Amino acid sequence: MASGGERPDLEALSELAEVLQHLESELASWRRRALTAEQRAADLANTGADGKPTRLDALETENKELERRVTRAKTRVADLLDRLRFLEQQRGNGGS
């Protein structure tokens, strides 16, 4: 038996609790590092190593701009057709 009336199982439990606290702290540290690494990987997926947008982002931006230009062109063509119809009507009415 242990000297002084101490129970060896209590000492072992105390040591185990200390080891578990250390392990919990270590796991929390690894979790923070993993979350940081995952966020960085997600950020790098959206930008190149130089911090500029990836080719996909550039293409999506270009596509949006082209869509705006096509919409404006369609509107202008519709306006020109309306003006042409009006002019044809005026010519058909003898210009009056």
PDB file of N, CA and C in Angstrom:
ATOM      1  N   MET A   1       0.831  -1.170   0.000  1.00  0.00           N
ATOM      2  CA  MET A   1       0.000   0.000   0.000  1.00  0.00           C
ATOM      3  C   MET A   1       0.876   1.233   0.000  1.00  0.00           C
ATOM      4  N   ALA A   2       0.249   2.335  -0.305  1.00  0.00           N
ATOM      5  CA  ALA A   2       0.981   3.590  -0.369  1.00  0.00           C
ATOM      6  C   ALA A   2       1.240   4.099   1.034  1.00  0.00           C
ATOM      7  N   SER A   3       2.339   4.785   1.178  1.00  0.00           N
ATOM      8  CA  SER A   3       2.669   5.315   2.493  1.00  0.00           C
ATOM      9  C   SER A   3       1.829   6.542   2.800  1.00  0.00           C
ATOM     10  N   GLY A   4       1.586   6.780   4.068  1.00  0.00           N
ATOM     11  CA  GLY A   4       0.864   7.959   4.503  1.00  0.00           C
ATOM     12  C   GLY A   4      -0.626   7.873   4.285  1.00  0.00           C
ATOM     13  N   GLY A   5      -1.154   6.726   3.941  1.00  0.00           N
ATOM     14  CA  GLY A   5      -2.584   6.552   3.791  1.00  0.00           C
ATOM     15  C   GLY A   5      -3.139   7.082   2.472  1.00  0.00           C
ATOM     16  N   GLU A   6      -2.288   7.490   1.523  1.00  0.00           N
ATOM     17  CA  GLU A   6      -2.777   7.969   0.226  1.00  0.00           C
ATOM     18  C   GLU A   6      -3.199   6.787  -0.625  1.00  0.00           C
ATOM     19  N   ARG A   7      -4.203   7.030  -1.416  1.00  0.00           N
ATOM     20  CA  ARG A   7      -4.692   5.968  -2.296  1.00  0.00           C
ATOM     21  C   ARG A   7      -4.008   6.112  -3.656  1.00  0.00           C
ATOM     22  N   PRO A   8      -3.371   5.079  -4.145  1.00  0.00           N
ATOM     23  CA  PRO A   8      -2.687   5.148  -5.434  1.00  0.00           C
ATOM     24  C   PRO A   8      -3.644   5.379  -6.591  1.00  0.00           C
ATOM     25  N   ASP A   9      -4.871   4.909  -6.450  1.00  0.00           N
ATOM     26  CA  ASP A   9      -5.820   5.110  -7.546  1.00  0.00           C
ATOM     27  C   ASP A   9      -6.197   6.584  -7.703  1.00  0.00           C
ATOM     28  N   LEU A  10      -6.237   7.337  -6.608  1.00  0.00           N
ATOM     29  CA  LEU A  10      -6.540   8.765  -6.696  1.00  0.00           C
ATOM     30  C   LEU A  10      -5.404   9.518  -7.385  1.00  0.00           C
ATOM     31  N   GLU A  11      -4.181   9.124  -7.072  1.00  0.00           N
ATOM     32  CA  GLU A  11      -3.034   9.748  -7.720  1.00  0.00           C
ATOM     33  C   GLU A  11      -3.050   9.444  -9.218  1.00  0.00           C
ATOM     34  N   ALA A  12      -3.375   8.223  -9.587  1.00  0.00           N
ATOM     35  CA  ALA A  12      -3.447   7.845 -10.997  1.00  0.00           C
ATOM     36  C   ALA A  12      -4.574   8.598 -11.695  1.00  0.00           C
ATOM     37  N   LEU A  13      -5.693   8.757 -11.030  1.00  0.00           N
ATOM     38  CA  LEU A  13      -6.816   9.508 -11.603  1.00  0.00           C
ATOM     39  C   LEU A  13      -6.445  10.974 -11.800  1.00  0.00           C
ATOM     40  N   SER A  14      -5.714  11.513 -10.851  1.00  0.00           N
ATOM     41  CA  SER A  14      -5.277  12.899 -10.954  1.00  0.00           C
ATOM     42  C   SER A  14      -4.332  13.058 -12.148  1.00  0.00           C
ATOM     43  N   GLU A  15      -3.414  12.131 -12.303  1.00  0.00           N
ATOM     44  CA  GLU A  15      -2.495  12.171 -13.442  1.00  0.00           C
ATOM     45  C   GLU A  15      -3.259  12.010 -14.757  1.00  0.00           C
ATOM     46  N   LEU A  16      -4.230  11.125 -14.780  1.00  0.00           N
ATOM     47  CA  LEU A  16      -5.042  10.910 -15.972  1.00  0.00           C
ATOM     48  C   LEU A  16      -5.821  12.178 -16.327  1.00  0.00           C
ATOM     49  N   ALA A  17      -6.376  12.841 -15.332  1.00  0.00           N
ATOM     50  CA  ALA A  17      -7.117  14.080 -15.579  1.00  0.00           C
ATOM     51  C   ALA A  17      -6.185  15.136 -16.157  1.00  0.00           C
ATOM     52  N   GLU A  18      -4.969  15.197 -15.654  1.00  0.00           N
ATOM     53  CA  GLU A  18      -3.993  16.159 -16.149  1.00  0.00           C
ATOM     54  C   GLU A  18      -3.623  15.852 -17.607  1.00  0.00           C
ATOM     55  N   VAL A  19      -3.419  14.594 -17.914  1.00  0.00           N
ATOM     56  CA  VAL A  19      -3.091  14.190 -19.286  1.00  0.00           C
ATOM     57  C   VAL A  19      -4.259  14.498 -20.222  1.00  0.00           C
ATOM     58  N   LEU A  20      -5.471  14.234 -19.772  1.00  0.00           N
ATOM     59  CA  LEU A  20      -6.650  14.502 -20.589  1.00  0.00           C
ATOM     60  C   LEU A  20      -6.827  16.002 -20.842  1.00  0.00           C
ATOM     61  N   GLN A  21      -6.553  16.832 -19.844  1.00  0.00           N
ATOM     62  CA  GLN A  21      -6.631  18.279 -20.041  1.00  0.00           C
ATOM     63  C   GLN A  21      -5.601  18.731 -21.078  1.00  0.00           C
ATOM     64  N   HIS A  22      -4.410  18.176 -20.984  1.00  0.00           N
ATOM     65  CA  HIS A  22      -3.371  18.517 -21.956  1.00  0.00           C
ATOM     66  C   HIS A  22      -3.789  18.069 -23.358  1.00  0.00           C
ATOM     67  N   LEU A  23      -4.337  16.871 -23.456  1.00  0.00           N
ATOM     68  CA  LEU A  23      -4.789  16.341 -24.736  1.00  0.00           C
ATOM     69  C   LEU A  23      -5.920  17.199 -25.311  1.00  0.00           C
ATOM     70  N   GLU A  24      -6.841  17.612 -24.452  1.00  0.00           N
ATOM     71  CA  GLU A  24      -7.946  18.470 -24.894  1.00  0.00           C
ATOM     72  C   GLU A  24      -7.409  19.793 -25.444  1.00  0.00           C
ATOM     73  N   SER A  25      -6.451  20.367 -24.755  1.00  0.00           N
ATOM     74  CA  SER A  25      -5.838  21.610 -25.209  1.00  0.00           C
ATOM     75  C   SER A  25      -5.135  21.411 -26.546  1.00  0.00           C
ATOM     76  N   GLU A  26      -4.430  20.318 -26.672  1.00  0.00           N
ATOM     77  CA  GLU A  26      -3.711  20.012 -27.913  1.00  0.00           C
ATOM     78  C   GLU A  26      -4.685  19.802 -29.074  1.00  0.00           C
ATOM     79  N   LEU A  27      -5.775  19.099 -28.834  1.00  0.00           N
ATOM     80  CA  LEU A  27      -6.780  18.877 -29.873  1.00  0.00           C
ATOM     81  C   LEU A  27      -7.441  20.193 -30.293  1.00  0.00           C
ATOM     82  N   ALA A  28      -7.704  21.074 -29.341  1.00  0.00           N
ATOM     83  CA  ALA A  28      -8.288  22.370 -29.669  1.00  0.00           C
ATOM     84  C   ALA A  28      -7.337  23.168 -30.552  1.00  0.00           C
ATOM     85  N   SER A  29      -6.062  23.089 -30.247  1.00  0.00           N
ATOM     86  CA  SER A  29      -5.061  23.787 -31.060  1.00  0.00           C
ATOM     87  C   SER A  29      -5.033  23.230 -32.482  1.00  0.00           C
ATOM     88  N   TRP A  30      -5.058  21.922 -32.616  1.00  0.00           N
ATOM     89  CA  TRP A  30      -5.060  21.296 -33.948  1.00  0.00           C
ATOM     90  C   TRP A  30      -6.337  21.636 -34.708  1.00  0.00           C
ATOM     91  N   ARG A  31      -7.455  21.714 -34.005  1.00  0.00           N
ATOM     92  CA  ARG A  31      -8.724  22.066 -34.659  1.00  0.00           C
ATOM     93  C   ARG A  31      -8.666  23.487 -35.206  1.00  0.00           C
ATOM     94  N   ARG A  32      -8.145  24.422 -34.400  1.00  0.00           N
ATOM     95  CA  ARG A  32      -8.006  25.802 -34.875  1.00  0.00           C
ATOM     96  C   ARG A  32      -7.106  25.862 -36.106  1.00  0.00           C
ATOM     97  N   ARG A  33      -6.006  25.124 -36.056  1.00  0.00           N
ATOM     98  CA  ARG A  33      -5.090  25.111 -37.201  1.00  0.00           C
ATOM     99  C   ARG A  33      -5.763  24.515 -38.436  1.00  0.00           C
ATOM    100  N   ALA A  34      -6.543  23.463 -38.250  1.00  0.00           N
ATOM    101  CA  ALA A  34      -7.228  22.831 -39.384  1.00  0.00           C
ATOM    102  C   ALA A  34      -8.263  23.777 -39.986  1.00  0.00           C
ATOM    103  N   LEU A  35      -9.027  24.460 -39.132  1.00  0.00           N
ATOM    104  CA  LEU A  35     -10.020  25.409 -39.633  1.00  0.00           C
ATOM    105  C   LEU A  35      -9.356  26.560 -40.388  1.00  0.00           C
ATOM    106  N   THR A  36      -8.238  27.043 -39.864  1.00  0.00           N
ATOM    107  CA  THR A  36      -7.500  28.104 -40.539  1.00  0.00           C
ATOM    108  C   THR A  36      -6.999  27.625 -41.895  1.00  0.00           C
ATOM    109  N   ALA A  37      -6.468  26.409 -41.929  1.00  0.00           N
ATOM    110  CA  ALA A  37      -5.961  25.854 -43.185  1.00  0.00           C
ATOM    111  C   ALA A  37      -7.088  25.654 -44.194  1.00  0.00           C
ATOM    112  N   GLU A  38      -8.237  25.191 -43.740  1.00  0.00           N
ATOM    113  CA  GLU A  38      -9.376  25.012 -44.644  1.00  0.00           C
ATOM    114  C   GLU A  38      -9.830  26.343 -45.218  1.00  0.00           C
ATOM    115  N   GLN A  39      -9.875  27.387 -44.379  1.00  0.00           N
ATOM    116  CA  GLN A  39     -10.272  28.706 -44.861  1.00  0.00           C
ATOM    117  C   GLN A  39      -9.263  29.222 -45.884  1.00  0.00           C
ATOM    118  N   ARG A  40      -7.998  29.029 -45.610  1.00  0.00           N
ATOM    119  CA  ARG A  40      -6.952  29.478 -46.538  1.00  0.00           C
ATOM    120  C   ARG A  40      -7.064  28.729 -47.862  1.00  0.00           C
ATOM    121  N   ALA A  41      -7.328  27.437 -47.799  1.00  0.00           N
ATOM    122  CA  ALA A  41      -7.484  26.651 -49.030  1.00  0.00           C
ATOM    123  C   ALA A  41      -8.682  27.148 -49.830  1.00  0.00           C
ATOM    124  N   ALA A  42      -9.766  27.471 -49.147  1.00  0.00           N
ATOM    125  CA  ALA A  42     -10.947  27.995 -49.843  1.00  0.00           C
ATOM    126  C   ALA A  42     -10.631  29.344 -50.478  1.00  0.00           C
ATOM    127  N   ASP A  43      -9.895  30.189 -49.758  1.00  0.00           N
ATOM    128  CA  ASP A  43      -9.513  31.491 -50.307  1.00  0.00           C
ATOM    129  C   ASP A  43      -8.611  31.324 -51.526  1.00  0.00           C
ATOM    130  N   LEU A  44      -7.676  30.389 -51.458  1.00  0.00           N
ATOM    131  CA  LEU A  44      -6.769  30.157 -52.581  1.00  0.00           C
ATOM    132  C   LEU A  44      -7.497  29.571 -53.785  1.00  0.00           C
ATOM    133  N   ALA A  45      -8.591  28.870 -53.537  1.00  0.00           N
ATOM    134  CA  ALA A  45      -9.367  28.315 -54.651  1.00  0.00           C
ATOM    135  C   ALA A  45     -10.003  29.438 -55.458  1.00  0.00           C
ATOM    136  N   ASN A  46     -10.262  30.564 -54.811  1.00  0.00           N
ATOM    137  CA  ASN A  46     -10.887  31.694 -55.488  1.00  0.00           C
ATOM    138  C   ASN A  46      -9.872  32.661 -56.068  1.00  0.00           C
ATOM    139  N   THR A  47      -8.641  32.595 -55.615  1.00  0.00           N
ATOM    140  CA  THR A  47      -7.608  33.477 -56.140  1.00  0.00           C
ATOM    141  C   THR A  47      -6.346  32.672 -56.396  1.00  0.00           C
ATOM    142  N   GLY A  48      -5.536  33.175 -57.282  1.00  0.00           N
ATOM    143  CA  GLY A  48      -4.270  32.523 -57.561  1.00  0.00           C
ATOM    144  C   GLY A  48      -3.279  32.806 -56.451  1.00  0.00           C
ATOM    145  N   ALA A  49      -2.101  32.232 -56.580  1.00  0.00           N
ATOM    146  CA  ALA A  49      -1.065  32.424 -55.571  1.00  0.00           C
ATOM    147  C   ALA A  49      -0.657  33.886 -55.461  1.00  0.00           C
ATOM    148  N   ASP A  50      -0.849  34.642 -56.543  1.00  0.00           N
ATOM    149  CA  ASP A  50      -0.483  36.050 -56.539  1.00  0.00           C
ATOM    150  C   ASP A  50      -1.607  36.943 -56.013  1.00  0.00           C
ATOM    151  N   GLY A  51      -2.735  36.339 -55.585  1.00  0.00           N
ATOM    152  CA  GLY A  51      -3.834  37.117 -55.036  1.00  0.00           C
ATOM    153  C   GLY A  51      -4.811  37.629 -56.078  1.00  0.00           C
ATOM    154  N   LYS A  52      -4.538  37.379 -57.351  1.00  0.00           N
ATOM    155  CA  LYS A  52      -5.440  37.829 -58.411  1.00  0.00           C
ATOM    156  C   LYS A  52      -6.531  36.789 -58.626  1.00  0.00           C
ATOM    157  N   PRO A  53      -7.686  37.220 -59.163  1.00  0.00           N
ATOM    158  CA  PRO A  53      -8.769  36.259 -59.408  1.00  0.00           C
ATOM    159  C   PRO A  53      -8.323  35.152 -60.364  1.00  0.00           C
ATOM    160  N   THR A  54      -8.873  33.987 -60.171  1.00  0.00           N
ATOM    161  CA  THR A  54      -8.549  32.862 -61.037  1.00  0.00           C
ATOM    162  C   THR A  54      -9.182  33.056 -62.411  1.00  0.00           C
ATOM    163  N   ARG A  55      -8.805  32.235 -63.335  1.00  0.00           N
ATOM    164  CA  ARG A  55      -9.322  32.305 -64.708  1.00  0.00           C
ATOM    165  C   ARG A  55     -10.846  32.203 -64.707  1.00  0.00           C
ATOM    166  N   LEU A  56     -11.379  31.353 -63.872  1.00  0.00           N
ATOM    167  CA  LEU A  56     -12.832  31.186 -63.805  1.00  0.00           C
ATOM    168  C   LEU A  56     -13.508  32.490 -63.411  1.00  0.00           C
ATOM    169  N   ASP A  57     -12.971  33.162 -62.388  1.00  0.00           N
ATOM    170  CA  ASP A  57     -13.551  34.437 -61.970  1.00  0.00           C
ATOM    171  C   ASP A  57     -13.484  35.452 -63.099  1.00  0.00           C
ATOM    172  N   ALA A  58     -12.356  35.485 -63.796  1.00  0.00           N
ATOM    173  CA  ALA A  58     -12.199  36.431 -64.905  1.00  0.00           C
ATOM    174  C   ALA A  58     -13.211  36.131 -66.003  1.00  0.00           C
ATOM    175  N   LEU A  59     -13.418  34.854 -66.303  1.00  0.00           N
ATOM    176  CA  LEU A  59     -14.381  34.480 -67.340  1.00  0.00           C
ATOM    177  C   LEU A  59     -15.807  34.816 -66.923  1.00  0.00           C
ATOM    178  N   GLU A  60     -16.127  34.604 -65.654  1.00  0.00           N
ATOM    179  CA  GLU A  60     -17.474  34.939 -65.181  1.00  0.00           C
ATOM    180  C   GLU A  60     -17.714  36.444 -65.269  1.00  0.00           C
ATOM    181  N   THR A  61     -16.720  37.225 -64.920  1.00  0.00           N
ATOM    182  CA  THR A  61     -16.843  38.680 -65.017  1.00  0.00           C
ATOM    183  C   THR A  61     -17.012  39.101 -66.467  1.00  0.00           C
ATOM    184  N   GLU A  62     -16.203  38.515 -67.335  1.00  0.00           N
ATOM    185  CA  GLU A  62     -16.301  38.837 -68.766  1.00  0.00           C
ATOM    186  C   GLU A  62     -17.671  38.440 -69.314  1.00  0.00           C
ATOM    187  N   ASN A  63     -18.174  37.295 -68.889  1.00  0.00           N
ATOM    188  CA  ASN A  63     -19.478  36.826 -69.342  1.00  0.00           C
ATOM    189  C   ASN A  63     -20.588  37.792 -68.929  1.00  0.00           C
ATOM    190  N   LYS A  64     -20.527  38.281 -67.704  1.00  0.00           N
ATOM    191  CA  LYS A  64     -21.540  39.239 -67.240  1.00  0.00           C
ATOM    192  C   LYS A  64     -21.484  40.518 -68.069  1.00  0.00           C
ATOM    193  N   GLU A  65     -20.282  40.996 -68.353  1.00  0.00           N
ATOM    194  CA  GLU A  65     -20.140  42.203 -69.162  1.00  0.00           C
ATOM    195  C   GLU A  65     -20.690  41.977 -70.569  1.00  0.00           C
ATOM    196  N   LEU A  66     -20.410  40.824 -71.152  1.00  0.00           N
ATOM    197  CA  LEU A  66     -20.931  40.515 -72.491  1.00  0.00           C
ATOM    198  C   LEU A  66     -22.454  40.431 -72.486  1.00  0.00           C
ATOM    199  N   GLU A  67     -23.016  39.861 -71.435  1.00  0.00           N
ATOM    200  CA  GLU A  67     -24.475  39.793 -71.330  1.00  0.00           C
ATOM    201  C   GLU A  67     -25.076  41.200 -71.270  1.00  0.00           C
ATOM    202  N   ARG A  68     -24.443  42.117 -70.510  1.00  0.00           N
ATOM    203  CA  ARG A  68     -24.924  43.501 -70.450  1.00  0.00           C
ATOM    204  C   ARG A  68     -24.834  44.155 -71.823  1.00  0.00           C
ATOM    205  N   ARG A  69     -23.747  43.919 -72.532  1.00  0.00           N
ATOM    206  CA  ARG A  69     -23.569  44.522 -73.851  1.00  0.00           C
ATOM    207  C   ARG A  69     -24.604  43.991 -74.838  1.00  0.00           C
ATOM    208  N   VAL A  70     -24.884  42.690 -74.785  1.00  0.00           N
ATOM    209  CA  VAL A  70     -25.880  42.096 -75.687  1.00  0.00           C
ATOM    210  C   VAL A  70     -27.259  42.681 -75.379  1.00  0.00           C
ATOM    211  N   THR A  71     -27.583  42.829 -74.095  1.00  0.00           N
ATOM    212  CA  THR A  71     -28.876  43.407 -73.718  1.00  0.00           C
ATOM    213  C   THR A  71     -29.001  44.833 -74.246  1.00  0.00           C
ATOM    214  N   ARG A  72     -27.931  45.631 -74.082  1.00  0.00           N
ATOM    215  CA  ARG A  72     -27.955  47.006 -74.606  1.00  0.00           C
ATOM    216  C   ARG A  72     -28.094  47.004 -76.125  1.00  0.00           C
ATOM    217  N   ALA A  73     -27.397  46.082 -76.796  1.00  0.00           N
ATOM    218  CA  ALA A  73     -27.478  46.018 -78.262  1.00  0.00           C
ATOM    219  C   ALA A  73     -28.893  45.646 -78.708  1.00  0.00           C
ATOM    220  N   LYS A  74     -29.521  44.707 -78.014  1.00  0.00           N
ATOM    221  CA  LYS A  74     -30.892  44.322 -78.350  1.00  0.00           C
ATOM    222  C   LYS A  74     -31.834  45.508 -78.201  1.00  0.00           C
ATOM    223  N   THR A  75     -31.650  46.267 -77.137  1.00  0.00           N
ATOM    224  CA  THR A  75     -32.487  47.454 -76.914  1.00  0.00           C
ATOM    225  C   THR A  75     -32.284  48.469 -78.034  1.00  0.00           C
ATOM    226  N   ARG A  76     -31.044  48.697 -78.417  1.00  0.00           N
ATOM    227  CA  ARG A  76     -30.758  49.659 -79.488  1.00  0.00           C
ATOM    228  C   ARG A  76     -31.343  49.187 -80.821  1.00  0.00           C
ATOM    229  N   VAL A  77     -31.244  47.888 -81.124  1.00  0.00           N
ATOM    230  CA  VAL A  77     -31.810  47.356 -82.363  1.00  0.00           C
ATOM    231  C   VAL A  77     -33.328  47.528 -82.353  1.00  0.00           C
ATOM    232  N   ALA A  78     -33.960  47.245 -81.217  1.00  0.00           N
ATOM    233  CA  ALA A  78     -35.417  47.419 -81.124  1.00  0.00           C
ATOM    234  C   ALA A  78     -35.796  48.881 -81.338  1.00  0.00           C
ATOM    235  N   ASP A  79     -35.013  49.802 -80.766  1.00  0.00           N
ATOM    236  CA  ASP A  79     -35.282  51.232 -80.974  1.00  0.00           C
ATOM    237  C   ASP A  79     -35.111  51.606 -82.442  1.00  0.00           C
ATOM    238  N   LEU A  80     -34.078  51.106 -83.090  1.00  0.00           N
ATOM    239  CA  LEU A  80     -33.861  51.398 -84.508  1.00  0.00           C
ATOM    240  C   LEU A  80     -34.985  50.839 -85.371  1.00  0.00           C
ATOM    241  N   LEU A  81     -35.462  49.635 -85.047  1.00  0.00           N
ATOM    242  CA  LEU A  81     -36.579  49.054 -85.800  1.00  0.00           C
ATOM    243  C   LEU A  81     -37.839  49.898 -85.628  1.00  0.00           C
ATOM    244  N   ASP A  82     -38.081  50.371 -84.413  1.00  0.00           N
ATOM    245  CA  ASP A  82     -39.242  51.246 -84.192  1.00  0.00           C
ATOM    246  C   ASP A  82     -39.120  52.521 -85.018  1.00  0.00           C
ATOM    247  N   ARG A  83     -37.943  53.108 -85.036  1.00  0.00           N
ATOM    248  CA  ARG A  83     -37.737  54.326 -85.820  1.00  0.00           C
ATOM    249  C   ARG A  83     -37.909  54.047 -87.307  1.00  0.00           C
ATOM    250  N   LEU A  84     -37.397  52.900 -87.776  1.00  0.00           N
ATOM    251  CA  LEU A  84     -37.530  52.535 -89.188  1.00  0.00           C
ATOM    252  C   LEU A  84     -39.000  52.338 -89.556  1.00  0.00           C
ATOM    253  N   ARG A  85     -39.762  51.665 -88.702  1.00  0.00           N
ATOM    254  CA  ARG A  85     -41.204  51.489 -88.964  1.00  0.00           C
ATOM    255  C   ARG A  85     -41.912  52.837 -89.029  1.00  0.00           C
ATOM    256  N   PHE A  86     -41.550  53.727 -88.109  1.00  0.00           N
ATOM    257  CA  PHE A  86     -42.147  55.058 -88.097  1.00  0.00           C
ATOM    258  C   PHE A  86     -41.831  55.802 -89.394  1.00  0.00           C
ATOM    259  N   LEU A  87     -40.582  55.734 -89.842  1.00  0.00           N
ATOM    260  CA  LEU A  87     -40.190  56.407 -91.062  1.00  0.00           C
ATOM    261  C   LEU A  87     -40.905  55.807 -92.280  1.00  0.00           C
ATOM    262  N   GLU A  88     -41.065  54.485 -92.287  1.00  0.00           N
ATOM    263  CA  GLU A  88     -41.770  53.843 -93.375  1.00  0.00           C
ATOM    264  C   GLU A  88     -43.235  54.265 -93.388  1.00  0.00           C
ATOM    265  N   GLN A  89     -43.815  54.392 -92.218  1.00  0.00           N
ATOM    266  CA  GLN A  89     -45.197  54.858 -92.135  1.00  0.00           C
ATOM    267  C   GLN A  89     -45.313  56.291 -92.634  1.00  0.00           C
ATOM    268  N   GLN A  90     -44.366  57.124 -92.268  1.00  0.00           N
ATOM    269  CA  GLN A  90     -44.381  58.514 -92.726  1.00  0.00           C
ATOM    270  C   GLN A  90     -44.229  58.588 -94.236  1.00  0.00           C
ATOM    271  N   ARG A  91     -43.366  57.759 -94.799  1.00  0.00           N
ATOM    272  CA  ARG A  91     -43.179  57.742 -96.248  1.00  0.00           C
ATOM    273  C   ARG A  91     -44.441  57.239 -96.941  1.00  0.00           C
ATOM    274  N   GLY A  92     -45.112  56.247 -96.329  1.00  0.00           N
ATOM    275  CA  GLY A  92     -46.345  55.708 -96.911  1.00  0.00           C
ATOM    276  C   GLY A  92     -47.496  56.702 -96.851  1.00  0.00           C
ATOM    277  N   ASN A  93     -47.460  57.598 -95.890  1.00  0.00           N
ATOM    278  CA  ASN A  93     -48.516  58.630 -95.761  1.00  0.00           C
ATOM    279  C   ASN A  93     -48.189  59.879 -96.557  1.00  0.00           C
ATOM    280  N   GLY A  94     -47.208  59.817 -97.391  1.00  0.00           N
ATOM    281  CA  GLY A  94     -46.864  60.978 -98.197  1.00  0.00           C
ATOM    282  C   GLY A  94     -45.998  61.982 -97.465  1.00  0.00           C
ATOM    283  N   GLY A  95     -45.342  61.548 -96.386  1.00  0.00           N
ATOM    284  CA  GLY A  95     -44.449  62.425 -95.675  1.00  0.00           C
ATOM    285  C   GLY A  95     -45.145  63.419 -94.785  1.00  0.00           C
ATOM    286  N   SER A  96     -46.434  63.308 -94.606  1.00  0.00           N
ATOM    287  CA  SER A  96     -47.127  64.274 -93.768  1.00  0.00           C
ATOM    288  C   SER A  96     -47.427  63.736 -92.397  1.00  0.00           C
TER     289      SER A  96
END
